[in-house]
Amino acid sequence: MANKWVAFFSQTGAEICDIAESLGRWPDVIVTNARPAAVRTIDSRLKDRKIVILPNKPRPVHYNTVCKGATVVTLHGWLRIVPPTICEKYTIFNGHPGLITEYPELKGKDPQVRAFEGKYPIAGAVIHKVIAGVDEGKVIMEERFNAFNLALDDLFRILKDRSLYMWINFLKKVL
């Protein structure tokens, strides 16, 4: 039997779609949190997929319901802090668009914007294990590149491409 993959998103879910199409395998469970339609647009490739909608601020019972039996849980723009009890109970990985191995100050929200505004010479993304501290878990993979003189849109595009590359390679190994 294949490993059970649960994927969470709070924004569009586009990264999950890109990964799934590249892998030729969709998550067994796709989860999002309830947010007003004006706040986001869910990727049209998810329209025929069953999506579990949790409250905007889910409690441990909600995570346990959707993660039950999961071998791997991935976060793709999940804009919520996962409760410590859930971090301990499940194997959870997060993609982070900041090179926190080089610049620990890029932990938290909007690291790519902070790196751009700070004119960081090197940019990158990581996949890390999720633990109770925000972006504190062990880094499993990283991608880095020269960010000198990049426009913000180019920085976002390259980070997206590098993140997809990492997720695809990582999930090929664990699924």
Protein backbone atom coordinates (compact mmCIF):
# COMPACT_ATOMS: atom_id res chain seq x y z
CA MET A 1 0.00 0.00 0.00
CA ALA A 2 1.25 3.49 -0.87
CA ASN A 3 2.21 5.93 1.83
CA LYS A 4 -0.56 8.30 2.87
CA TRP A 5 0.22 11.92 1.96
CA VAL A 6 -1.71 14.83 3.48
CA ALA A 7 -1.02 18.30 2.04
CA PHE A 8 -2.10 21.61 3.62
CA PHE A 9 -2.43 25.05 2.02
CA SER A 10 -3.88 28.44 3.01
CA GLN A 11 -3.40 30.37 -0.21
CA THR A 12 -4.11 29.07 -3.74
CA GLY A 13 -2.94 25.46 -3.60
CA ALA A 14 -1.04 25.97 -6.87
CA GLU A 15 2.17 24.50 -5.44
CA ILE A 16 0.35 21.29 -4.52
CA CYS A 17 -1.07 21.10 -8.06
CA ASP A 18 2.34 21.66 -9.67
CA ILE A 19 3.95 19.01 -7.47
CA ALA A 20 1.14 16.49 -8.01
CA GLU A 21 1.21 16.92 -11.79
CA SER A 22 5.00 16.47 -11.85
CA LEU A 23 4.85 13.40 -9.61
CA GLY A 24 1.82 11.90 -11.33
CA ARG A 25 0.33 11.46 -7.85
CA TRP A 26 -2.04 13.64 -5.88
CA PRO A 27 -2.12 13.88 -2.10
CA ASP A 28 -4.51 11.45 -0.46
CA VAL A 29 -5.98 14.35 1.50
CA ILE A 30 -5.82 18.05 0.58
CA VAL A 31 -6.59 20.45 3.41
CA THR A 32 -7.18 24.18 3.57
CA ASN A 33 -8.53 26.59 6.13
CA ALA A 34 -11.72 28.57 5.76
CA ARG A 35 -10.93 32.07 4.55
CA PRO A 36 -13.12 34.62 2.78
CA ALA A 37 -13.19 34.32 -1.01
CA ALA A 38 -11.92 37.90 -1.26
CA VAL A 39 -8.70 36.84 0.47
CA ARG A 40 -7.67 34.18 -2.06
CA THR A 41 -8.53 32.26 -5.18
CA ILE A 42 -8.08 28.49 -5.11
CA ASP A 43 -6.26 27.06 -8.12
CA SER A 44 -8.73 25.82 -10.75
CA ARG A 45 -6.88 22.48 -10.98
CA LEU A 46 -8.32 21.70 -7.53
CA LYS A 47 -11.95 22.18 -8.61
CA ASP A 48 -12.56 18.45 -9.11
CA ARG A 49 -10.53 17.39 -6.08
CA LYS A 50 -12.01 16.77 -2.67
CA ILE A 51 -10.67 19.42 -0.32
CA VAL A 52 -11.17 19.25 3.42
CA ILE A 53 -11.88 22.71 4.84
CA LEU A 54 -10.85 23.26 8.43
CA PRO A 55 -11.77 26.26 10.55
CA ASN A 56 -9.61 29.32 9.99
CA LYS A 57 -7.81 28.59 13.26
CA PRO A 58 -7.84 24.79 13.57
CA ARG A 59 -7.44 23.03 16.89
CA PRO A 60 -5.57 19.75 17.48
CA VAL A 61 -8.77 17.72 17.03
CA HIS A 62 -9.08 19.09 13.47
CA TYR A 63 -5.49 18.18 12.59
CA ASN A 64 -5.95 14.69 14.06
CA THR A 65 -9.07 14.13 11.96
CA VAL A 66 -7.37 14.87 8.63
CA CYS A 67 -3.91 13.48 9.44
CA LYS A 68 -5.02 10.12 10.84
CA GLY A 69 -2.90 7.39 9.27
CA ALA A 70 -0.66 9.85 7.41
CA THR A 71 2.86 8.76 6.59
CA VAL A 72 3.91 12.24 5.49
CA VAL A 73 2.26 15.63 5.94
CA THR A 74 3.39 18.62 3.88
CA LEU A 75 2.71 22.33 4.30
CA HIS A 76 2.51 24.54 1.21
CA GLY A 77 1.83 28.08 2.27
CA TRP A 78 -0.06 26.89 5.36
CA LEU A 79 -0.34 30.16 7.22
CA ARG A 80 -1.02 28.64 10.61
CA ILE A 81 1.21 27.52 13.45
CA VAL A 82 0.79 23.78 13.93
CA PRO A 83 0.14 22.88 17.60
CA PRO A 84 3.11 21.21 19.37
CA THR A 85 1.13 18.03 20.07
CA ILE A 86 0.48 17.62 16.33
CA CYS A 87 4.15 18.31 15.46
CA GLU A 88 5.14 15.49 17.80
CA LYS A 89 2.49 13.06 16.60
CA TYR A 90 2.97 13.31 12.81
CA THR A 91 5.89 13.57 10.37
CA ILE A 92 5.36 17.06 8.97
CA PHE A 93 7.50 19.02 6.50
CA ASN A 94 7.27 22.66 5.48
CA GLY A 95 8.61 24.50 2.47
CA HIS A 96 10.07 27.89 3.41
CA PRO A 97 11.11 30.52 0.81
CA GLY A 98 13.95 31.87 2.92
CA LEU A 99 17.48 30.54 3.22
CA ILE A 100 17.30 30.07 6.99
CA THR A 101 20.44 27.92 7.02
CA GLU A 102 22.41 31.03 6.04
CA TYR A 103 20.14 33.75 7.43
CA PRO A 104 18.21 32.56 10.52
CA GLU A 105 16.57 35.98 10.72
CA LEU A 106 14.48 34.97 7.69
CA LYS A 107 12.37 32.59 9.77
CA GLY A 108 8.70 33.53 9.82
CA LYS A 109 6.43 35.40 7.43
CA ASP A 110 7.46 36.87 4.06
CA PRO A 111 11.17 35.97 4.11
CA GLN A 112 11.54 36.56 0.38
CA VAL A 113 10.40 40.17 0.71
CA ARG A 114 12.69 40.73 3.69
CA ALA A 115 15.64 39.20 1.78
CA PHE A 116 14.89 41.44 -1.21
CA GLU A 117 14.51 44.60 0.87
CA GLY A 118 17.68 43.72 2.80
CA LYS A 119 19.58 43.19 -0.49
CA TYR A 120 20.77 39.74 0.57
CA PRO A 121 23.37 38.51 -1.94
CA ILE A 122 22.27 34.86 -1.73
CA ALA A 123 18.67 33.68 -1.66
CA GLY A 124 17.14 30.27 -1.37
CA ALA A 125 14.48 27.98 -0.04
CA VAL A 126 14.42 25.03 2.33
CA ILE A 127 12.28 22.08 3.28
CA HIS A 128 12.40 21.48 7.01
CA LYS A 129 10.84 19.18 9.56
CA VAL A 130 8.05 20.93 11.47
CA ILE A 131 8.51 21.19 15.22
CA ALA A 132 6.86 23.44 17.81
CA GLY A 133 9.09 26.48 17.05
CA VAL A 134 8.31 28.45 13.88
CA ASP A 135 10.76 27.37 11.13
CA GLU A 136 12.99 25.76 13.79
CA GLY A 137 13.00 22.13 12.62
CA LYS A 138 15.88 20.29 10.98
CA VAL A 139 16.45 21.38 7.38
CA ILE A 140 16.08 18.36 5.08
CA MET A 141 16.90 20.06 1.75
CA GLU A 142 17.99 23.48 0.58
CA GLU A 143 18.46 25.30 -2.71
CA ARG A 144 20.43 28.53 -2.97
CA PHE A 145 21.24 30.98 -5.75
CA ASN A 146 22.82 34.36 -6.43
CA ALA A 147 20.22 37.08 -5.79
CA PHE A 148 22.42 40.04 -6.69
CA ASN A 149 20.43 42.63 -8.69
CA LEU A 150 17.32 40.45 -9.05
CA ALA A 151 13.96 42.17 -9.33
CA LEU A 152 11.41 41.06 -6.72
CA ASP A 153 9.32 39.25 -9.35
CA ASP A 154 12.40 37.32 -10.52
CA LEU A 155 13.25 36.41 -6.93
CA PHE A 156 9.72 35.03 -6.42
CA ARG A 157 9.86 33.08 -9.71
CA ILE A 158 13.23 31.48 -8.97
CA LEU A 159 12.20 30.63 -5.40
CA LYS A 160 9.06 28.97 -6.72
CA ASP A 161 11.04 26.92 -9.25
CA ARG A 162 13.64 25.86 -6.67
CA SER A 163 10.94 24.94 -4.15
CA LEU A 164 9.13 22.78 -6.70
CA TYR A 165 12.37 21.04 -7.60
CA MET A 166 13.02 20.24 -3.94
CA TRP A 167 9.47 19.08 -3.19
CA ILE A 168 9.39 16.77 -6.20
CA ASN A 169 12.73 15.16 -5.34
CA PHE A 170 11.87 14.91 -1.65
CA LEU A 171 8.43 13.39 -2.21
CA LYS A 172 9.77 10.87 -4.74
CA LYS A 173 11.89 9.50 -1.89
CA VAL A 174 9.27 9.45 0.87
CA LEU A 175 6.09 8.43 -0.95
